[in-house]
Amino acid sequence: MTKKIFAIAAAVLCSGALLQAQTLGKDARYCNPLPMEIGQGSASGDVSVFQWEGKYYMFCTGGGAWVSEDMLNWDYHYVADVPVAPDVCPYNGKFYMTGNSSNVWVADNPLGPYKVLGQWKGVPDLEHGWSQGFDPHIYVDDDNQPYLFWPGMAISGIYSVKLDPNDLTRFVGPVTHHFSFNPDHVWERQGEHNEFTDVAWIEGPWIYKHDGTYYLQYSASGTQWRTYAEGYYKSKNVQGPYEYASNNPLLRRTDGIVTGPAHGSMVTGPDGNIWQFYTVVLRSGGRRIGMDRVTVDKDGNLVCNVTDTPQWAPGVVKDPSKGDSGSVIVSVGKTTMSVGQGFPGAAKVASSSKPGRGAEYALDDNTATWWEPADDDKTPSLTICLSPAVDRDRVQTFQIDGSRILFGGSGRGFSGSAGTPVYKYKIEASMDGKTYKTVLDMSDNDVARNVVFDEIDPVECRYVRLTMLDWPEGSPLSILDFSVFGRATGYSPSQVPVPTPKVMN
């Protein structure tokens, strides 16, 4: 009887686990950088997100706004006069927009139209402490008192002041200086290796409150470096004193596709978890947007893992620490092969390439390089062998389940002129490198994006081929990154027979 009870209990637990399990191809995922729609503006960093009446509103340097109900699908909306590093704050039925400007704007709707409310007033004479509204952030505390946080210039650090509730352009009360650049915090130093010991650029403050603790985020060492990162201080009072967190920096990554994660914002997602949005600095120039889950450890410290592989979308998993879907990049470096390694036509992995812009640069996990086909190549293609085995290896097979493409270029459509960067393409898969099956068809795509992430119904294969069908006029096609996601599933017989070992008498 006891064994039967245990068996029933085990079956129930197993059934529950199955019900809660996530399914590739069915449950939603996201992948950084986020595939943001492009209109008359593009999401190019300094990202500010807030929630209002069941929707999330994103403002970025680059103009316009993006709106989402699930933080997965974002629709672009034109908004006029969006400044650099915009910050929009809902307050008493109005929406106040600030940015790198001496002006403050106000609107009755989060998407505008915004009109100039006025310039900052009551600003005290602060040496290096005020720079005409550089990266300002308005935070409204639980008692409805608004505060302004901003950085001084370079190493000056972060300041705050109370704002007049009846006039959000007016400073009231004393200015508080929270902290300055500290050269002992190595990650704050400028340089590709944080080598400049006495130089920094502190910017991008953001306040988030959780369980009675105020978390004051900030960025260093400057958006021009791949060492751009984000840290935080914490306090029990909105105006401090703030204590430097022991696990800083919160966000930092210097290699791979997602580098320089900083100047962002934290928000409570539709699933009740904390989500971090941040700027992604491309090593070729330009910036994109990323987001990842935030957890709070037993000591009240924030923890955030910067990701560049597919993650479960908000609401798919309850435990934010289990957000990874398990798919990895299986395509990195896979074009550097030679004929005779089991790859039919390996010498022609791309249909064409310009000098110095070979196909391998789309697969090197590095946005400083890119593949650029010849100008007269009307349907350029890139074929990958996922298992370029040498003679003594077994040939690995893979189950692929998604892909990401980062497009480069700055031609028609990238600056808000007539036309937009709409890319059309297809992806095929094969087991033998001869017979291919289309697993993703984007030939009818009409959404403008410079980053795309696509789910692929899980399929086992050894070869993957990307074919570009159309791209913006007036701009040469360039692909900074083509990543195929999945996992190893098995292997074919060895390339050569394995000799039977001799038994010694």
Protein backbone atom coordinates (compact mmCIF):
# COMPACT_ATOMS: atom_id res chain seq x y z
CA MET A 1 0.00 0.00 0.00
CA THR A 2 2.81 2.37 0.94
CA LYS A 3 4.58 1.72 -2.38
CA LYS A 4 1.35 2.45 -4.25
CA ILE A 5 0.90 5.79 -2.42
CA PHE A 6 4.50 6.76 -3.23
CA ALA A 7 3.93 5.78 -6.88
CA ILE A 8 0.77 7.92 -7.10
CA ALA A 9 2.56 10.87 -5.45
CA ALA A 10 5.48 10.54 -7.84
CA ALA A 11 3.09 10.45 -10.80
CA VAL A 12 1.33 13.60 -9.60
CA LEU A 13 4.65 15.41 -9.12
CA CYS A 14 5.80 14.30 -12.53
CA SER A 15 2.53 15.42 -14.08
CA GLY A 16 2.88 18.82 -12.41
CA ALA A 17 6.41 19.14 -13.66
CA LEU A 18 5.25 18.37 -17.18
CA LEU A 19 2.45 20.91 -16.94
CA GLN A 20 4.92 23.56 -15.85
CA ALA A 21 7.58 22.63 -18.40
CA GLN A 22 8.33 25.02 -21.23
CA THR A 23 8.17 23.91 -24.85
CA LEU A 24 10.48 25.15 -27.58
CA GLY A 25 8.52 26.52 -30.48
CA LYS A 26 5.40 27.13 -28.37
CA ASP A 27 6.36 29.20 -25.32
CA ALA A 28 7.59 32.71 -26.06
CA ARG A 29 11.27 33.65 -25.85
CA TYR A 30 13.31 36.78 -26.37
CA CYS A 31 16.93 37.26 -27.37
CA ASN A 32 19.29 40.21 -26.97
CA PRO A 33 19.74 42.62 -28.60
CA LEU A 34 15.97 43.11 -28.74
CA PRO A 35 14.43 43.21 -32.25
CA MET A 36 12.92 46.69 -31.99
CA GLU A 37 10.78 48.03 -34.82
CA ILE A 38 12.21 51.05 -36.65
CA GLY A 39 10.10 53.96 -37.85
CA GLN A 40 11.12 57.60 -37.97
CA GLY A 41 13.23 56.80 -34.93
CA SER A 42 15.36 53.88 -33.83
CA ALA A 43 16.06 52.46 -30.39
CA SER A 44 19.71 53.32 -29.96
CA GLY A 45 20.41 53.33 -26.26
CA ASP A 46 19.82 55.34 -23.07
CA VAL A 47 16.66 53.34 -22.51
CA SER A 48 13.93 54.49 -20.11
CA VAL A 49 10.89 52.28 -19.46
CA PHE A 50 7.82 52.92 -17.31
CA GLN A 51 4.47 51.21 -16.82
CA TRP A 52 1.14 53.01 -17.16
CA GLU A 53 -2.37 51.51 -17.11
CA GLY A 54 -1.30 48.03 -18.12
CA LYS A 55 1.14 49.07 -20.83
CA TYR A 56 4.89 49.60 -20.92
CA TYR A 57 6.38 52.66 -22.59
CA MET A 58 9.98 52.76 -23.80
CA PHE A 59 11.82 55.94 -24.74
CA CYS A 60 15.35 55.91 -26.15
CA THR A 61 17.92 58.10 -27.76
CA GLY A 62 16.98 57.93 -31.42
CA GLY A 63 13.48 59.35 -31.14
CA GLY A 64 9.98 57.99 -30.86
CA ALA A 65 8.49 55.57 -28.36
CA TRP A 66 7.76 51.85 -28.17
CA VAL A 67 4.69 50.39 -26.46
CA SER A 68 4.10 46.84 -25.19
CA GLU A 69 1.65 44.95 -23.00
CA ASP A 70 3.92 41.94 -22.45
CA MET A 71 7.46 43.42 -22.73
CA LEU A 72 8.04 41.02 -25.62
CA ASN A 73 6.28 42.63 -28.59
CA TRP A 74 7.02 46.36 -28.94
CA ASP A 75 5.18 48.65 -31.39
CA TYR A 76 6.81 51.83 -32.60
CA HIS A 77 5.00 55.18 -32.25
CA TYR A 78 6.18 58.48 -33.59
CA VAL A 79 6.70 61.12 -30.88
CA ALA A 80 8.01 64.55 -31.83
CA ASP A 81 10.87 66.36 -30.12
CA VAL A 82 12.27 63.43 -28.14
CA PRO A 83 15.65 64.58 -26.75
CA VAL A 84 18.85 62.58 -26.29
CA ALA A 85 18.64 60.33 -23.19
CA PRO A 86 14.89 60.87 -22.71
CA ASP A 87 13.13 60.19 -19.42
CA VAL A 88 9.33 60.29 -19.13
CA CYS A 89 7.64 60.37 -15.73
CA PRO A 90 3.89 60.07 -15.06
CA TYR A 91 2.85 62.50 -12.33
CA ASN A 92 -0.61 63.68 -11.21
CA GLY A 93 -2.28 62.89 -14.53
CA LYS A 94 0.45 64.47 -16.67
CA PHE A 95 3.58 63.11 -18.36
CA TYR A 96 6.84 64.98 -17.96
CA MET A 97 9.69 64.41 -20.41
CA THR A 98 13.27 65.44 -19.70
CA GLY A 99 16.56 64.70 -21.42
CA ASN A 100 19.87 66.22 -22.37
CA SER A 101 18.34 69.66 -22.64
CA SER A 102 17.58 72.62 -20.43
CA ASN A 103 13.88 72.17 -21.29
CA VAL A 104 11.16 70.13 -19.60
CA TRP A 105 8.19 68.98 -21.72
CA VAL A 106 4.67 68.01 -20.62
CA ALA A 107 1.79 66.08 -22.22
CA ASP A 108 -1.63 64.69 -21.34
CA ASN A 109 -0.77 61.36 -22.99
CA PRO A 110 2.41 59.29 -22.71
CA LEU A 111 2.75 59.44 -26.50
CA GLY A 112 2.27 63.19 -26.62
CA PRO A 113 2.04 65.62 -28.19
CA TYR A 114 4.55 67.19 -25.80
CA LYS A 115 4.92 70.93 -25.36
CA VAL A 116 7.68 72.85 -23.61
CA LEU A 117 6.75 73.48 -19.99
CA GLY A 118 9.83 75.56 -19.24
CA GLN A 119 13.47 75.41 -18.23
CA TRP A 120 14.90 74.28 -14.91
CA LYS A 121 14.50 76.92 -12.20
CA GLY A 122 16.12 77.42 -8.82
CA VAL A 123 19.31 75.65 -9.83
CA PRO A 124 22.06 76.52 -7.32
CA ASP A 125 25.58 77.45 -8.33
CA LEU A 126 27.28 74.04 -8.29
CA GLU A 127 30.81 73.54 -9.55
CA HIS A 128 30.64 70.63 -12.03
CA GLY A 129 27.34 69.60 -10.43
CA TRP A 130 24.89 70.84 -13.05
CA SER A 131 25.25 70.56 -16.80
CA GLN A 132 22.00 71.90 -18.26
CA GLY A 133 20.02 68.75 -17.59
CA PHE A 134 22.47 65.98 -18.46
CA ASP A 135 20.81 62.51 -18.15
CA PRO A 136 18.11 63.71 -15.70
CA HIS A 137 15.73 61.21 -14.10
CA ILE A 138 12.55 62.15 -12.22
CA TYR A 139 11.57 59.72 -9.46
CA VAL A 140 8.28 59.98 -7.57
CA ASP A 141 8.38 58.49 -4.07
CA ASP A 142 5.53 56.68 -2.32
CA ASP A 143 4.34 59.94 -0.72
CA ASN A 144 3.98 61.51 -4.21
CA GLN A 145 7.03 63.76 -3.69
CA PRO A 146 9.03 64.10 -6.93
CA TYR A 147 12.84 64.15 -6.97
CA LEU A 148 15.33 64.86 -9.71
CA PHE A 149 18.51 62.77 -10.03
CA TRP A 150 21.28 63.73 -12.45
CA PRO A 151 25.03 63.28 -13.02
CA GLY A 152 27.60 66.03 -12.93
CA MET A 153 30.30 66.10 -15.57
CA ALA A 154 32.84 63.28 -15.92
CA ILE A 155 33.98 62.25 -12.42
CA SER A 156 31.56 64.43 -10.44
CA GLY A 157 29.08 61.63 -9.71
CA ILE A 158 25.36 61.69 -8.94
CA TYR A 159 23.21 64.42 -7.37
CA SER A 160 19.54 64.78 -6.39
CA VAL A 161 17.08 67.44 -5.25
CA LYS A 162 13.42 67.73 -4.38
CA LEU A 163 11.17 69.18 -7.06
CA ASP A 164 8.19 71.47 -6.49
CA PRO A 165 5.06 69.26 -6.80
CA ASN A 166 3.23 72.19 -8.37
CA ASP A 167 6.02 72.98 -10.83
CA LEU A 168 8.32 70.11 -11.79
CA THR A 169 10.78 72.51 -13.39
CA ARG A 170 11.66 74.06 -10.02
CA PHE A 171 14.31 72.86 -7.56
CA VAL A 172 13.29 73.12 -3.89
CA GLY A 173 15.42 72.26 -0.89
CA PRO A 174 19.14 71.56 -0.78
CA VAL A 175 20.99 69.58 -3.44
CA THR A 176 22.41 66.27 -2.22
CA HIS A 177 25.66 64.94 -3.69
CA HIS A 178 25.51 61.15 -3.33
CA PHE A 179 28.91 59.98 -4.59
CA SER A 180 31.74 60.72 -7.03
CA PHE A 181 33.94 58.56 -9.22
CA ASN A 182 36.02 56.22 -7.09
CA PRO A 183 39.20 54.94 -8.81
CA ASP A 184 39.18 51.95 -6.45
CA HIS A 185 36.09 50.80 -8.35
CA VAL A 186 38.14 49.57 -11.30
CA TRP A 187 35.12 49.00 -13.54
CA GLU A 188 34.32 52.74 -13.40
CA ARG A 189 37.62 53.70 -15.05
CA GLN A 190 37.71 54.52 -18.75
CA GLY A 191 39.48 52.43 -21.37
CA GLU A 192 39.03 49.13 -23.19
CA HIS A 193 40.68 47.51 -20.17
CA ASN A 194 39.73 50.17 -17.58
CA GLU A 195 43.35 51.31 -17.79
CA PHE A 196 42.80 55.05 -17.28
CA THR A 197 43.03 55.21 -13.51
CA ASP A 198 42.00 58.85 -13.05
CA VAL A 199 39.40 59.25 -15.82
CA ALA A 200 35.73 58.25 -15.80
CA TRP A 201 32.33 59.31 -17.01
CA ILE A 202 29.54 58.75 -14.46
CA GLU A 203 26.05 59.03 -15.96
CA GLY A 204 22.55 57.60 -16.39
CA PRO A 205 21.07 57.55 -12.85
CA TRP A 206 17.86 55.57 -12.22
CA ILE A 207 15.97 54.85 -8.97
CA TYR A 208 14.07 51.63 -8.27
CA LYS A 209 12.50 50.77 -4.91
CA HIS A 210 12.06 47.19 -3.70
CA ASP A 211 11.08 45.98 -0.22
CA GLY A 212 11.91 49.31 1.41
CA THR A 213 15.32 49.69 -0.26
CA TYR A 214 16.12 52.38 -2.84
CA TYR A 215 18.50 51.21 -5.54
CA LEU A 216 20.37 54.02 -7.32
CA GLN A 217 21.79 52.79 -10.62
CA TYR A 218 24.46 54.60 -12.60
CA SER A 219 26.76 53.92 -15.53
CA ALA A 220 30.50 54.17 -16.20
CA SER A 221 33.06 54.29 -17.92
CA GLY A 222 31.53 55.86 -21.03
CA THR A 223 29.45 54.60 -23.93
CA GLN A 224 32.46 54.67 -26.29
CA TRP A 225 34.06 51.73 -24.46
CA ARG A 226 33.11 48.07 -24.51
CA THR A 227 33.79 48.23 -20.74
CA TYR A 228 30.68 50.39 -20.40
CA ALA A 229 28.91 48.91 -17.39
CA GLU A 230 26.31 49.61 -14.75
CA GLY A 231 26.56 49.62 -10.96
CA TYR A 232 24.41 50.69 -8.06
CA TYR A 233 24.26 52.04 -4.54
CA LYS A 234 21.47 51.30 -2.07
CA SER A 235 19.78 53.14 0.79
CA LYS A 236 16.73 53.09 3.06
CA ASN A 237 16.07 56.74 2.25
CA VAL A 238 15.47 58.20 -1.20
CA GLN A 239 18.03 60.95 -0.59
CA GLY A 240 20.52 58.69 1.12
CA PRO A 241 23.04 58.19 2.43
CA TYR A 242 23.71 55.54 -0.21
CA GLU A 243 26.04 52.58 0.28
CA TYR A 244 28.10 51.08 -2.54
CA ALA A 245 26.88 47.55 -3.29
CA SER A 246 29.36 44.77 -2.55
CA ASN A 247 28.67 42.84 -5.77
CA ASN A 248 29.23 45.67 -8.26
CA PRO A 249 29.12 46.03 -11.17
CA LEU A 250 25.56 44.86 -11.74
CA LEU A 251 25.94 44.68 -15.53
CA ARG A 252 29.21 44.15 -17.35
CA ARG A 253 30.21 42.19 -20.46
CA THR A 254 33.13 42.87 -22.80
CA ASP A 255 32.95 40.05 -25.36
CA GLY A 256 30.36 38.39 -27.53
CA ILE A 257 27.43 40.08 -29.26
CA VAL A 258 26.04 41.88 -26.21
CA THR A 259 28.76 44.19 -24.88
CA GLY A 260 28.83 47.43 -22.93
CA PRO A 261 25.50 46.90 -21.07
CA ALA A 262 24.68 50.13 -19.25
CA HIS A 263 22.55 53.32 -19.10
CA GLY A 264 19.23 51.65 -18.55
CA SER A 265 16.25 51.34 -16.26
CA MET A 266 14.57 48.81 -13.99
CA VAL A 267 10.84 48.12 -13.97
CA THR A 268 8.43 45.58 -12.50
CA GLY A 269 7.34 43.34 -15.37
CA PRO A 270 3.90 41.88 -16.14
CA ASP A 271 4.99 38.72 -14.33
CA GLY A 272 5.76 40.61 -11.10
CA ASN A 273 9.52 40.11 -11.48
CA ILE A 274 12.13 42.86 -11.78
CA TRP A 275 13.46 43.48 -15.28
CA GLN A 276 16.53 45.44 -16.32
CA PHE A 277 16.68 47.30 -19.62
CA TYR A 278 20.07 48.49 -20.87
CA THR A 279 22.06 49.91 -23.76
CA VAL A 280 24.08 47.44 -25.88
CA VAL A 281 27.23 48.96 -27.41
CA LEU A 282 28.13 47.42 -30.79
CA ARG A 283 31.85 47.26 -31.39
CA SER A 284 31.35 48.38 -35.00
CA GLY A 285 29.59 51.51 -33.78
CA GLY A 286 25.92 52.02 -33.02
CA ARG A 287 23.87 50.84 -30.10
CA ARG A 288 20.93 48.53 -29.45
CA ILE A 289 18.67 47.58 -26.52
CA GLY A 290 18.83 44.59 -24.15
CA MET A 291 16.81 43.33 -21.21
CA ASP A 292 17.26 40.66 -18.57
CA ARG A 293 15.80 39.46 -15.29
CA VAL A 294 16.90 40.83 -11.93
CA THR A 295 16.82 38.92 -8.66
CA VAL A 296 17.48 40.10 -5.11
CA ASP A 297 19.75 37.94 -2.94
CA LYS A 298 19.52 37.35 0.82
CA ASP A 299 21.66 40.42 1.51
CA GLY A 300 19.40 42.69 -0.51
CA ASN A 301 21.84 42.91 -3.43
CA LEU A 302 20.66 42.97 -7.02
CA VAL A 303 21.78 40.18 -9.36
CA CYS A 304 21.45 40.30 -13.16
CA ASN A 305 22.98 37.97 -15.74
CA VAL A 306 23.55 39.67 -19.11
CA THR A 307 22.45 37.22 -21.83
CA ASP A 308 22.86 36.85 -25.59
CA THR A 309 21.04 33.54 -26.11
CA PRO A 310 17.25 32.88 -26.17
CA GLN A 311 15.56 33.35 -22.79
CA TRP A 312 12.00 32.64 -21.69
CA ALA A 313 9.83 35.74 -22.05
CA PRO A 314 8.19 37.52 -19.09
CA GLY A 315 5.50 35.33 -17.58
CA VAL A 316 6.67 32.03 -19.07
CA VAL A 317 8.55 30.97 -15.93
CA LYS A 318 7.71 32.04 -12.38
CA ASP A 319 11.25 31.76 -11.06
CA PRO A 320 13.37 34.42 -12.81
CA SER A 321 16.56 32.47 -12.08
CA LYS A 322 15.29 29.73 -14.43
CA GLY A 323 14.85 32.02 -17.42
CA ASP A 324 17.43 30.38 -19.70
CA SER A 325 15.76 28.22 -22.34
CA GLY A 326 18.86 26.04 -22.70
CA SER A 327 19.63 26.94 -26.32
CA VAL A 328 23.22 27.91 -27.11
CA ILE A 329 24.90 29.40 -30.17
CA VAL A 330 25.89 26.46 -32.38
CA SER A 331 27.14 28.47 -35.37
CA VAL A 332 30.16 30.43 -34.08
CA GLY A 333 33.28 29.95 -36.21
CA LYS A 334 31.74 27.24 -38.37
CA THR A 335 32.69 28.63 -41.81
CA THR A 336 36.45 28.36 -41.35
CA MET A 337 36.69 24.94 -43.02
CA SER A 338 38.47 23.44 -45.97
CA VAL A 339 37.41 20.95 -48.62
CA GLY A 340 37.81 17.38 -47.42
CA GLN A 341 36.38 17.97 -43.95
CA GLY A 342 33.05 16.43 -44.77
CA PHE A 343 31.41 19.64 -46.00
CA PRO A 344 30.31 19.54 -49.66
CA GLY A 345 31.57 22.71 -51.36
CA ALA A 346 33.22 23.97 -48.20
CA ALA A 347 35.38 26.34 -50.22
CA LYS A 348 32.21 28.29 -51.13
CA VAL A 349 30.49 28.77 -47.80
CA ALA A 350 29.19 32.14 -49.03
CA SER A 351 27.81 32.90 -52.48
CA SER A 352 30.15 35.92 -52.58
CA SER A 353 32.17 38.20 -50.33
CA LYS A 354 33.90 41.55 -50.71
CA PRO A 355 37.62 41.67 -49.89
CA GLY A 356 38.10 41.77 -46.14
CA ARG A 357 34.41 41.09 -45.54
CA GLY A 358 34.35 37.30 -45.64
CA ALA A 359 31.52 35.06 -44.48
CA GLU A 360 33.47 34.07 -41.38
CA TYR A 361 32.93 37.57 -39.99
CA ALA A 362 29.19 36.94 -39.65
CA LEU A 363 29.96 33.97 -37.42
CA ASP A 364 32.80 35.19 -35.20
CA ASP A 365 30.70 36.37 -32.22
CA ASN A 366 32.00 39.88 -32.73
CA THR A 367 30.13 43.00 -33.92
CA ALA A 368 33.37 44.75 -34.93
CA THR A 369 33.43 42.67 -38.15
CA TRP A 370 30.82 41.79 -40.74
CA TRP A 371 30.09 39.82 -43.91
CA GLU A 372 29.36 41.87 -47.02
CA PRO A 373 28.49 40.09 -50.28
CA ALA A 374 29.36 41.45 -53.71
CA ASP A 375 27.20 44.28 -55.02
CA ASP A 376 26.02 42.21 -57.99
CA ASP A 377 24.99 39.25 -55.82
CA LYS A 378 21.18 39.51 -55.98
CA THR A 379 20.38 36.65 -53.58
CA PRO A 380 23.47 36.23 -51.40
CA SER A 381 23.62 33.13 -49.26
CA LEU A 382 25.70 31.86 -46.38
CA THR A 383 25.93 28.11 -45.69
CA ILE A 384 27.14 26.72 -42.38
CA CYS A 385 28.27 23.23 -41.53
CA LEU A 386 27.48 22.90 -37.83
CA SER A 387 29.84 19.95 -37.43
CA PRO A 388 33.03 20.42 -39.49
CA ALA A 389 34.59 17.18 -38.28
CA VAL A 390 38.18 16.19 -38.89
CA ASP A 391 39.01 12.62 -39.86
CA ARG A 392 39.21 11.27 -36.34
CA ASP A 393 35.98 12.93 -35.14
CA ARG A 394 32.45 11.68 -35.16
CA VAL A 395 30.08 13.99 -37.07
CA GLN A 396 27.81 15.78 -34.61
CA THR A 397 24.17 16.50 -35.40
CA PHE A 398 22.15 19.35 -33.91
CA GLN A 399 18.59 20.33 -33.15
CA ILE A 400 18.22 24.00 -34.07
CA ASP A 401 15.37 26.12 -32.68
CA GLY A 402 16.07 29.78 -33.43
CA SER A 403 18.20 32.35 -35.21
CA ARG A 404 19.35 35.95 -34.80
CA ILE A 405 20.63 38.40 -37.41
CA LEU A 406 22.21 41.79 -36.73
CA PHE A 407 22.25 43.97 -39.81
CA GLY A 408 24.73 46.80 -40.32
CA GLY A 409 24.72 49.67 -42.79
CA SER A 410 23.47 53.21 -42.75
CA GLY A 411 21.70 53.61 -46.06
CA ARG A 412 18.17 54.63 -46.93
CA GLY A 413 15.74 54.27 -44.08
CA PHE A 414 18.23 54.33 -41.22
CA SER A 415 17.92 58.07 -40.65
CA GLY A 416 14.16 58.40 -40.91
CA SER A 417 14.15 59.26 -44.63
CA ALA A 418 11.79 57.71 -47.16
CA GLY A 419 11.88 53.96 -46.89
CA THR A 420 12.76 51.79 -43.91
CA PRO A 421 15.23 48.93 -43.34
CA VAL A 422 12.99 45.97 -44.17
CA TYR A 423 14.89 42.72 -44.66
CA LYS A 424 13.51 39.61 -46.36
CA TYR A 425 15.22 36.25 -46.07
CA LYS A 426 14.82 32.51 -45.63
CA ILE A 427 16.66 29.82 -43.67
CA GLU A 428 17.02 26.22 -44.84
CA ALA A 429 18.33 23.11 -43.08
CA SER A 430 19.87 19.88 -44.33
CA MET A 431 21.36 16.67 -42.99
CA ASP A 432 23.60 15.90 -45.98
CA GLY A 433 24.46 19.33 -47.40
CA LYS A 434 22.64 18.48 -50.65
CA THR A 435 18.92 18.37 -49.96
CA TYR A 436 17.58 21.40 -48.07
CA LYS A 437 14.23 22.12 -46.45
CA THR A 438 12.97 25.64 -45.69
CA VAL A 439 12.56 26.00 -41.92
CA LEU A 440 11.97 29.78 -41.82
CA ASP A 441 10.39 31.89 -44.56
CA MET A 442 10.51 35.66 -44.09
CA SER A 443 10.03 36.50 -47.76
CA ASP A 444 6.89 38.48 -46.92
CA ASN A 445 8.37 40.40 -43.99
CA ASP A 446 7.22 44.04 -43.91
CA VAL A 447 8.46 45.11 -40.45
CA ALA A 448 11.54 47.32 -40.32
CA ARG A 449 14.18 46.11 -37.87
CA ASN A 450 17.97 46.12 -37.77
CA VAL A 451 17.98 43.12 -35.40
CA VAL A 452 15.78 40.06 -35.89
CA PHE A 453 15.22 37.03 -33.71
CA ASP A 454 13.13 34.18 -35.13
CA GLU A 455 11.84 31.00 -33.59
CA ILE A 456 12.37 27.87 -35.68
CA ASP A 457 10.31 24.75 -35.11
CA PRO A 458 12.94 22.41 -33.65
CA VAL A 459 14.56 20.44 -36.46
CA GLU A 460 17.58 18.14 -36.52
CA CYS A 461 20.23 18.98 -39.08
CA ARG A 462 23.92 19.38 -39.79
CA TYR A 463 23.83 22.23 -42.32
CA VAL A 464 22.09 25.62 -42.24
CA ARG A 465 21.77 28.08 -45.12
CA LEU A 466 20.72 31.73 -44.92
CA THR A 467 19.57 33.37 -48.16
CA MET A 468 18.88 37.10 -48.34
CA LEU A 469 16.00 37.98 -50.65
CA ASP A 470 15.68 41.76 -50.23
CA TRP A 471 17.16 44.62 -48.21
CA PRO A 472 17.08 48.46 -48.13
CA GLU A 473 17.87 50.25 -51.36
CA GLY A 474 20.93 52.45 -51.44
CA SER A 475 22.72 50.49 -48.75
CA PRO A 476 25.13 47.60 -49.24
CA LEU A 477 24.02 44.50 -47.37
CA SER A 478 26.15 43.84 -44.31
CA ILE A 479 25.56 41.25 -41.61
CA LEU A 480 27.31 41.82 -38.30
CA ASP A 481 26.11 38.56 -36.82
CA PHE A 482 24.21 35.47 -37.89
CA SER A 483 23.66 33.15 -34.94
CA VAL A 484 21.91 29.80 -35.04
CA PHE A 485 20.64 28.54 -31.69
CA GLY A 486 20.03 24.98 -30.55
CA ARG A 487 21.87 22.08 -28.96
CA ALA A 488 23.81 18.96 -29.91
CA THR A 489 21.56 15.92 -30.22
CA GLY A 490 23.64 13.02 -31.50
CA TYR A 491 26.22 11.96 -34.04
CA SER A 492 26.65 10.06 -37.26
CA PRO A 493 29.09 7.14 -37.60
CA SER A 494 32.77 8.00 -37.42
CA GLN A 495 34.37 9.37 -40.56
CA VAL A 496 36.76 6.41 -40.54
CA PRO A 497 36.30 2.93 -39.08
CA VAL A 498 37.47 2.62 -35.52
CA PRO A 499 40.02 -0.20 -35.38
CA THR A 500 39.29 -3.06 -33.01
CA PRO A 501 41.94 -3.09 -30.26
CA LYS A 502 44.14 -6.15 -30.19
CA VAL A 503 44.06 -8.27 -27.10
CA MET A 504 47.54 -8.99 -25.81
CA ASN A 505 48.19 -12.47 -24.49
